[in-house]
Amino acid sequence: MKTIHLKQIQAQYNQAADHIRKRIIICAGTGCIANGSLLVYAAFEEALKQSGLRLFADLELNLHDDNDTYQLTGSGCQGFCAQGPLVNILPDEIMYTKVKPENVLQILEETILNNRIIDDLLYINPADGKKSRGQTDIPFYKRQTRLVLGECSHLDPGNIREYIAHGGYFGAEKAFTQMTPEEVCNTILESGLRGRGGGGFPTGRK
């Protein structure tokens, strides 16, 4: 049986992903789903299908000679539930808020194909009335420093290849292949990680 290493999967996925022109990410957190994000996702699926655009299928790791591939994925909860459904467009770093299925064709035509921003779908800061192009402009996000959840807005939680491409499981691989059980425990102890059950018991001791 042929062994495929994490670095191989990472390299293959990133090589294929380099050909993506634009990526559309629909927040699939509970709040956005409750507000209809799955309907928005379905509308994008149908619109992209009808448009004839070439879609990125990472399971096939299909490579092309040009950057003319588009990708549609979900994401984990982005934390801005009151403004959902949220639609992020990469690499433009545009985030649309309170998106409805009837907005999808406009987003496809204006933003995806013609690089024009739809002002009516941007977040408006109630404090000063200013519109924000994306997360980096929104005070709610600017006041945060995300560590564990830093990639949450971009990663598809159902795509293990993408997780590996962003460094996922490399720590586990090192623990299994390069470290003794004692070294693993000591590393966890030194990290200061504690349980969240109320007692704060050191995880390394567990």
C-alpha atoms as a PDB file:
ATOM      1  CA  MET A   1       0.000   0.000   0.000  1.00  0.00           C
ATOM      2  CA  LYS A   2       1.433   3.379  -1.044  1.00  0.00           C
ATOM      3  CA  THR A   3       1.925   5.870   1.781  1.00  0.00           C
ATOM      4  CA  ILE A   4       0.984   9.491   1.089  1.00  0.00           C
ATOM      5  CA  HIS A   5       2.626  11.974   3.430  1.00  0.00           C
ATOM      6  CA  LEU A   6       1.066  15.198   4.668  1.00  0.00           C
ATOM      7  CA  LYS A   7       3.598  17.326   2.786  1.00  0.00           C
ATOM      8  CA  GLN A   8       2.584  15.616  -0.465  1.00  0.00           C
ATOM      9  CA  ILE A   9      -1.089  16.345   0.148  1.00  0.00           C
ATOM     10  CA  GLN A  10      -0.233  19.924   1.099  1.00  0.00           C
ATOM     11  CA  ALA A  11       1.837  20.479  -2.045  1.00  0.00           C
ATOM     12  CA  GLN A  12      -0.749  18.885  -4.356  1.00  0.00           C
ATOM     13  CA  TYR A  13      -3.632  20.887  -2.934  1.00  0.00           C
ATOM     14  CA  ASN A  14      -1.757  24.199  -2.983  1.00  0.00           C
ATOM     15  CA  GLN A  15      -0.595  23.598  -6.551  1.00  0.00           C
ATOM     16  CA  ALA A  16      -4.175  23.022  -7.660  1.00  0.00           C
ATOM     17  CA  ALA A  17      -5.545  25.923  -5.577  1.00  0.00           C
ATOM     18  CA  ASP A  18      -3.098  28.320  -7.231  1.00  0.00           C
ATOM     19  CA  HIS A  19      -5.350  28.186 -10.292  1.00  0.00           C
ATOM     20  CA  ILE A  20      -8.391  29.577  -8.481  1.00  0.00           C
ATOM     21  CA  ARG A  21      -9.352  33.021  -9.777  1.00  0.00           C
ATOM     22  CA  LYS A  22     -11.968  33.730  -7.116  1.00  0.00           C
ATOM     23  CA  ARG A  23     -13.314  31.851  -4.145  1.00  0.00           C
ATOM     24  CA  ILE A  24     -16.798  32.377  -2.752  1.00  0.00           C
ATOM     25  CA  ILE A  25     -17.159  31.409   0.915  1.00  0.00           C
ATOM     26  CA  ILE A  26     -20.596  31.127   2.513  1.00  0.00           C
ATOM     27  CA  CYS A  27     -20.640  31.128   6.313  1.00  0.00           C
ATOM     28  CA  ALA A  28     -22.138  27.832   7.481  1.00  0.00           C
ATOM     29  CA  GLY A  29     -22.193  28.576  11.184  1.00  0.00           C
ATOM     30  CA  THR A  30     -25.422  27.981  13.108  1.00  0.00           C
ATOM     31  CA  GLY A  31     -26.427  31.654  13.128  1.00  0.00           C
ATOM     32  CA  CYS A  32     -25.976  32.102   9.380  1.00  0.00           C
ATOM     33  CA  ILE A  33     -27.736  28.833   8.616  1.00  0.00           C
ATOM     34  CA  ALA A  34     -30.676  29.983  10.748  1.00  0.00           C
ATOM     35  CA  ASN A  35     -30.771  33.148   8.634  1.00  0.00           C
ATOM     36  CA  GLY A  36     -30.772  31.201   5.353  1.00  0.00           C
ATOM     37  CA  SER A  37     -27.137  30.721   4.326  1.00  0.00           C
ATOM     38  CA  LEU A  38     -27.803  27.233   2.950  1.00  0.00           C
ATOM     39  CA  LEU A  39     -30.349  28.751   0.559  1.00  0.00           C
ATOM     40  CA  VAL A  40     -27.712  31.300  -0.488  1.00  0.00           C
ATOM     41  CA  TYR A  41     -25.226  28.466  -1.041  1.00  0.00           C
ATOM     42  CA  ALA A  42     -27.732  26.550  -3.176  1.00  0.00           C
ATOM     43  CA  ALA A  43     -28.416  29.681  -5.221  1.00  0.00           C
ATOM     44  CA  PHE A  44     -24.694  30.134  -5.864  1.00  0.00           C
ATOM     45  CA  GLU A  45     -24.369  26.471  -6.873  1.00  0.00           C
ATOM     46  CA  GLU A  46     -27.129  26.864  -9.434  1.00  0.00           C
ATOM     47  CA  ALA A  47     -25.878  30.235 -10.695  1.00  0.00           C
ATOM     48  CA  LEU A  48     -22.317  28.966 -11.161  1.00  0.00           C
ATOM     49  CA  LYS A  49     -23.612  25.854 -12.905  1.00  0.00           C
ATOM     50  CA  GLN A  50     -25.715  27.911 -15.304  1.00  0.00           C
ATOM     51  CA  SER A  51     -22.863  30.352 -15.962  1.00  0.00           C
ATOM     52  CA  GLY A  52     -20.605  27.632 -17.382  1.00  0.00           C
ATOM     53  CA  LEU A  53     -17.653  28.773 -15.271  1.00  0.00           C
ATOM     54  CA  ARG A  54     -14.985  26.179 -14.553  1.00  0.00           C
ATOM     55  CA  LEU A  55     -15.262  25.042 -10.928  1.00  0.00           C
ATOM     56  CA  PHE A  56     -12.431  23.846  -8.710  1.00  0.00           C
ATOM     57  CA  ALA A  57     -12.885  20.241  -7.582  1.00  0.00           C
ATOM     58  CA  ASP A  58     -10.085  19.519  -5.127  1.00  0.00           C
ATOM     59  CA  LEU A  59     -10.947  15.831  -4.831  1.00  0.00           C
ATOM     60  CA  GLU A  60      -9.797  15.493  -8.418  1.00  0.00           C
ATOM     61  CA  LEU A  61      -6.976  18.026  -7.879  1.00  0.00           C
ATOM     62  CA  ASN A  62      -7.608  19.213 -11.400  1.00  0.00           C
ATOM     63  CA  LEU A  63      -4.831  21.404 -12.787  1.00  0.00           C
ATOM     64  CA  HIS A  64      -5.235  23.930 -15.567  1.00  0.00           C
ATOM     65  CA  ASP A  65      -2.873  26.105 -17.541  1.00  0.00           C
ATOM     66  CA  ASP A  66      -4.617  29.314 -16.547  1.00  0.00           C
ATOM     67  CA  ASN A  67      -6.114  30.907 -13.473  1.00  0.00           C
ATOM     68  CA  ASP A  68      -9.682  30.573 -14.685  1.00  0.00           C
ATOM     69  CA  THR A  69     -11.169  28.345 -12.007  1.00  0.00           C
ATOM     70  CA  TYR A  70     -13.749  29.361  -9.410  1.00  0.00           C
ATOM     71  CA  GLN A  71     -14.466  27.786  -6.031  1.00  0.00           C
ATOM     72  CA  LEU A  72     -17.564  27.713  -3.824  1.00  0.00           C
ATOM     73  CA  THR A  73     -17.253  26.502  -0.226  1.00  0.00           C
ATOM     74  CA  GLY A  74     -18.744  26.876   3.208  1.00  0.00           C
ATOM     75  CA  SER A  75     -16.868  27.957   6.323  1.00  0.00           C
ATOM     76  CA  GLY A  76     -17.130  27.578  10.057  1.00  0.00           C
ATOM     77  CA  CYS A  77     -18.860  30.221  12.158  1.00  0.00           C
ATOM     78  CA  GLN A  78     -17.327  33.644  11.480  1.00  0.00           C
ATOM     79  CA  GLY A  79     -18.705  35.114  14.699  1.00  0.00           C
ATOM     80  CA  PHE A  80     -20.704  37.960  13.142  1.00  0.00           C
ATOM     81  CA  CYS A  81     -24.011  36.101  13.372  1.00  0.00           C
ATOM     82  CA  ALA A  82     -26.298  39.145  13.564  1.00  0.00           C
ATOM     83  CA  GLN A  83     -25.099  40.191  10.091  1.00  0.00           C
ATOM     84  CA  GLY A  84     -25.550  36.809   8.425  1.00  0.00           C
ATOM     85  CA  PRO A  85     -25.734  35.227   5.998  1.00  0.00           C
ATOM     86  CA  LEU A  86     -22.148  36.294   5.304  1.00  0.00           C
ATOM     87  CA  VAL A  87     -20.472  35.890   1.918  1.00  0.00           C
ATOM     88  CA  ASN A  88     -16.705  36.357   1.610  1.00  0.00           C
ATOM     89  CA  ILE A  89     -14.978  36.704  -1.745  1.00  0.00           C
ATOM     90  CA  LEU A  90     -11.268  35.950  -2.019  1.00  0.00           C
ATOM     91  CA  PRO A  91      -8.656  37.092  -2.888  1.00  0.00           C
ATOM     92  CA  ASP A  92     -10.494  40.452  -2.944  1.00  0.00           C
ATOM     93  CA  GLU A  93     -11.219  40.255   0.820  1.00  0.00           C
ATOM     94  CA  ILE A  94     -14.794  41.451   0.271  1.00  0.00           C
ATOM     95  CA  MET A  95     -17.480  40.517   2.770  1.00  0.00           C
ATOM     96  CA  TYR A  96     -21.161  40.951   2.049  1.00  0.00           C
ATOM     97  CA  THR A  97     -23.674  40.859   4.894  1.00  0.00           C
ATOM     98  CA  LYS A  98     -27.314  39.804   5.183  1.00  0.00           C
ATOM     99  CA  VAL A  99     -27.138  38.199   1.752  1.00  0.00           C
ATOM    100  CA  LYS A 100     -30.307  36.686   0.315  1.00  0.00           C
ATOM    101  CA  PRO A 101     -30.686  34.176  -2.539  1.00  0.00           C
ATOM    102  CA  GLU A 102     -32.041  36.953  -4.750  1.00  0.00           C
ATOM    103  CA  ASN A 103     -28.698  38.812  -4.370  1.00  0.00           C
ATOM    104  CA  VAL A 104     -26.666  35.941  -5.814  1.00  0.00           C
ATOM    105  CA  LEU A 105     -26.966  36.716  -9.530  1.00  0.00           C
ATOM    106  CA  GLN A 106     -25.993  40.337  -8.875  1.00  0.00           C
ATOM    107  CA  ILE A 107     -22.935  39.251  -6.868  1.00  0.00           C
ATOM    108  CA  LEU A 108     -21.919  36.853  -9.625  1.00  0.00           C
ATOM    109  CA  GLU A 109     -22.300  39.435 -12.379  1.00  0.00           C
ATOM    110  CA  GLU A 110     -20.965  42.501 -10.598  1.00  0.00           C
ATOM    111  CA  THR A 111     -18.305  41.220  -8.197  1.00  0.00           C
ATOM    112  CA  ILE A 112     -17.200  37.778  -9.348  1.00  0.00           C
ATOM    113  CA  LEU A 113     -17.056  38.533 -13.064  1.00  0.00           C
ATOM    114  CA  ASN A 114     -16.514  42.287 -13.184  1.00  0.00           C
ATOM    115  CA  ASN A 115     -14.734  43.152  -9.916  1.00  0.00           C
ATOM    116  CA  ARG A 116     -17.291  45.736  -8.856  1.00  0.00           C
ATOM    117  CA  ILE A 117     -18.340  46.140  -5.227  1.00  0.00           C
ATOM    118  CA  ILE A 118     -22.044  46.157  -4.352  1.00  0.00           C
ATOM    119  CA  ASP A 119     -22.319  48.935  -1.761  1.00  0.00           C
ATOM    120  CA  ASP A 120     -25.781  47.905  -0.579  1.00  0.00           C
ATOM    121  CA  LEU A 121     -24.440  44.565   0.702  1.00  0.00           C
ATOM    122  CA  LEU A 122     -21.496  45.967   2.671  1.00  0.00           C
ATOM    123  CA  TYR A 123     -21.568  46.226   6.461  1.00  0.00           C
ATOM    124  CA  ILE A 124     -22.476  49.679   7.789  1.00  0.00           C
ATOM    125  CA  ASN A 125     -20.904  50.705  11.098  1.00  0.00           C
ATOM    126  CA  PRO A 126     -23.786  52.127  13.190  1.00  0.00           C
ATOM    127  CA  ALA A 127     -21.341  54.334  15.105  1.00  0.00           C
ATOM    128  CA  ASP A 128     -20.306  56.452  12.132  1.00  0.00           C
ATOM    129  CA  GLY A 129     -22.323  55.210   9.149  1.00  0.00           C
ATOM    130  CA  LYS A 130     -19.222  54.116   7.241  1.00  0.00           C
ATOM    131  CA  LYS A 131     -19.316  51.048   5.011  1.00  0.00           C
ATOM    132  CA  SER A 132     -16.677  48.330   5.335  1.00  0.00           C
ATOM    133  CA  ARG A 133     -15.257  46.436   2.368  1.00  0.00           C
ATOM    134  CA  GLY A 134     -14.242  43.366   4.391  1.00  0.00           C
ATOM    135  CA  GLN A 135     -13.411  41.926   7.770  1.00  0.00           C
ATOM    136  CA  THR A 136     -10.199  43.927   8.177  1.00  0.00           C
ATOM    137  CA  ASP A 137     -12.264  47.146   8.073  1.00  0.00           C
ATOM    138  CA  ILE A 138     -14.935  46.083  10.558  1.00  0.00           C
ATOM    139  CA  PRO A 139     -14.416  47.138  14.211  1.00  0.00           C
ATOM    140  CA  PHE A 140     -15.885  43.844  15.473  1.00  0.00           C
ATOM    141  CA  TYR A 141     -13.000  41.966  13.822  1.00  0.00           C
ATOM    142  CA  LYS A 142     -10.305  44.635  14.189  1.00  0.00           C
ATOM    143  CA  ARG A 143     -10.489  44.370  17.976  1.00  0.00           C
ATOM    144  CA  GLN A 144      -9.807  40.626  17.866  1.00  0.00           C
ATOM    145  CA  THR A 145      -6.604  38.629  17.637  1.00  0.00           C
ATOM    146  CA  ARG A 146      -7.639  35.172  16.516  1.00  0.00           C
ATOM    147  CA  LEU A 147      -5.239  32.330  17.173  1.00  0.00           C
ATOM    148  CA  VAL A 148      -6.961  28.937  17.180  1.00  0.00           C
ATOM    149  CA  LEU A 149      -9.814  30.312  15.051  1.00  0.00           C
ATOM    150  CA  GLY A 150      -7.612  32.449  12.826  1.00  0.00           C
ATOM    151  CA  GLU A 151      -8.437  30.450   9.677  1.00  0.00           C
ATOM    152  CA  CYS A 152     -12.096  29.876  10.521  1.00  0.00           C
ATOM    153  CA  SER A 153     -13.388  32.408   8.008  1.00  0.00           C
ATOM    154  CA  HIS A 154     -11.489  30.820   5.137  1.00  0.00           C
ATOM    155  CA  LEU A 155     -11.267  27.077   5.714  1.00  0.00           C
ATOM    156  CA  ASP A 156     -13.941  24.647   4.584  1.00  0.00           C
ATOM    157  CA  PRO A 157     -14.499  22.502   7.726  1.00  0.00           C
ATOM    158  CA  GLY A 158     -15.551  19.561   5.573  1.00  0.00           C
ATOM    159  CA  ASN A 159     -12.378  19.539   3.465  1.00  0.00           C
ATOM    160  CA  ILE A 160      -9.551  17.598   5.082  1.00  0.00           C
ATOM    161  CA  ARG A 161      -7.149  18.395   2.228  1.00  0.00           C
ATOM    162  CA  GLU A 162      -7.535  22.114   2.745  1.00  0.00           C
ATOM    163  CA  TYR A 163      -6.932  21.698   6.475  1.00  0.00           C
ATOM    164  CA  ILE A 164      -3.719  19.815   5.743  1.00  0.00           C
ATOM    165  CA  ALA A 165      -2.715  22.471   3.190  1.00  0.00           C
ATOM    166  CA  HIS A 166      -2.885  25.039   6.015  1.00  0.00           C
ATOM    167  CA  GLY A 167      -0.696  22.919   8.309  1.00  0.00           C
ATOM    168  CA  GLY A 168      -3.329  20.701   9.886  1.00  0.00           C
ATOM    169  CA  TYR A 169      -2.210  17.399  11.457  1.00  0.00           C
ATOM    170  CA  PHE A 170       1.501  18.234  11.170  1.00  0.00           C
ATOM    171  CA  GLY A 171       1.722  18.488  14.949  1.00  0.00           C
ATOM    172  CA  ALA A 172       0.015  15.114  15.332  1.00  0.00           C
ATOM    173  CA  GLU A 173       2.337  13.588  12.740  1.00  0.00           C
ATOM    174  CA  LYS A 174       5.368  14.851  14.660  1.00  0.00           C
ATOM    175  CA  ALA A 175       3.979  13.510  17.946  1.00  0.00           C
ATOM    176  CA  PHE A 176       3.381  10.054  16.470  1.00  0.00           C
ATOM    177  CA  THR A 177       6.575   9.720  14.461  1.00  0.00           C
ATOM    178  CA  GLN A 178       9.243  11.769  16.228  1.00  0.00           C
ATOM    179  CA  MET A 179       8.344  12.034  19.911  1.00  0.00           C
ATOM    180  CA  THR A 180       8.053   9.685  22.857  1.00  0.00           C
ATOM    181  CA  PRO A 181       4.909   9.720  25.022  1.00  0.00           C
ATOM    182  CA  GLU A 182       6.929  11.470  27.751  1.00  0.00           C
ATOM    183  CA  GLU A 183       8.013  14.194  25.330  1.00  0.00           C
ATOM    184  CA  VAL A 184       4.430  14.741  24.224  1.00  0.00           C
ATOM    185  CA  CYS A 185       3.243  15.098  27.827  1.00  0.00           C
ATOM    186  CA  ASN A 186       6.088  17.458  28.704  1.00  0.00           C
ATOM    187  CA  THR A 187       5.368  19.620  25.656  1.00  0.00           C
ATOM    188  CA  ILE A 188       1.710  19.931  26.679  1.00  0.00           C
ATOM    189  CA  LEU A 189       2.737  20.734  30.262  1.00  0.00           C
ATOM    190  CA  GLU A 190       5.154  23.421  29.108  1.00  0.00           C
ATOM    191  CA  SER A 191       2.460  24.962  26.915  1.00  0.00           C
ATOM    192  CA  GLY A 192       0.376  25.787  29.991  1.00  0.00           C
ATOM    193  CA  LEU A 193      -2.766  24.350  28.396  1.00  0.00           C
ATOM    194  CA  ARG A 194      -5.493  23.693  30.958  1.00  0.00           C
ATOM    195  CA  GLY A 195      -8.910  22.059  30.961  1.00  0.00           C
ATOM    196  CA  ARG A 196     -12.045  24.161  30.654  1.00  0.00           C
ATOM    197  CA  GLY A 197     -14.276  22.227  33.035  1.00  0.00           C
ATOM    198  CA  GLY A 198     -13.890  24.820  35.785  1.00  0.00           C
ATOM    199  CA  GLY A 199     -10.947  23.355  37.703  1.00  0.00           C
ATOM    200  CA  GLY A 200      -8.341  24.356  35.127  1.00  0.00           C
ATOM    201  CA  PHE A 201      -6.494  21.062  35.553  1.00  0.00           C
ATOM    202  CA  PRO A 202      -3.183  20.950  33.557  1.00  0.00           C
ATOM    203  CA  THR A 203      -3.853  19.039  30.326  1.00  0.00           C
ATOM    204  CA  GLY A 204      -0.338  17.595  30.302  1.00  0.00           C
ATOM    205  CA  ARG A 205      -1.018  15.872  33.637  1.00  0.00           C
ATOM    206  CA  LYS A 206      -4.129  14.259  32.194  1.00  0.00           C
END
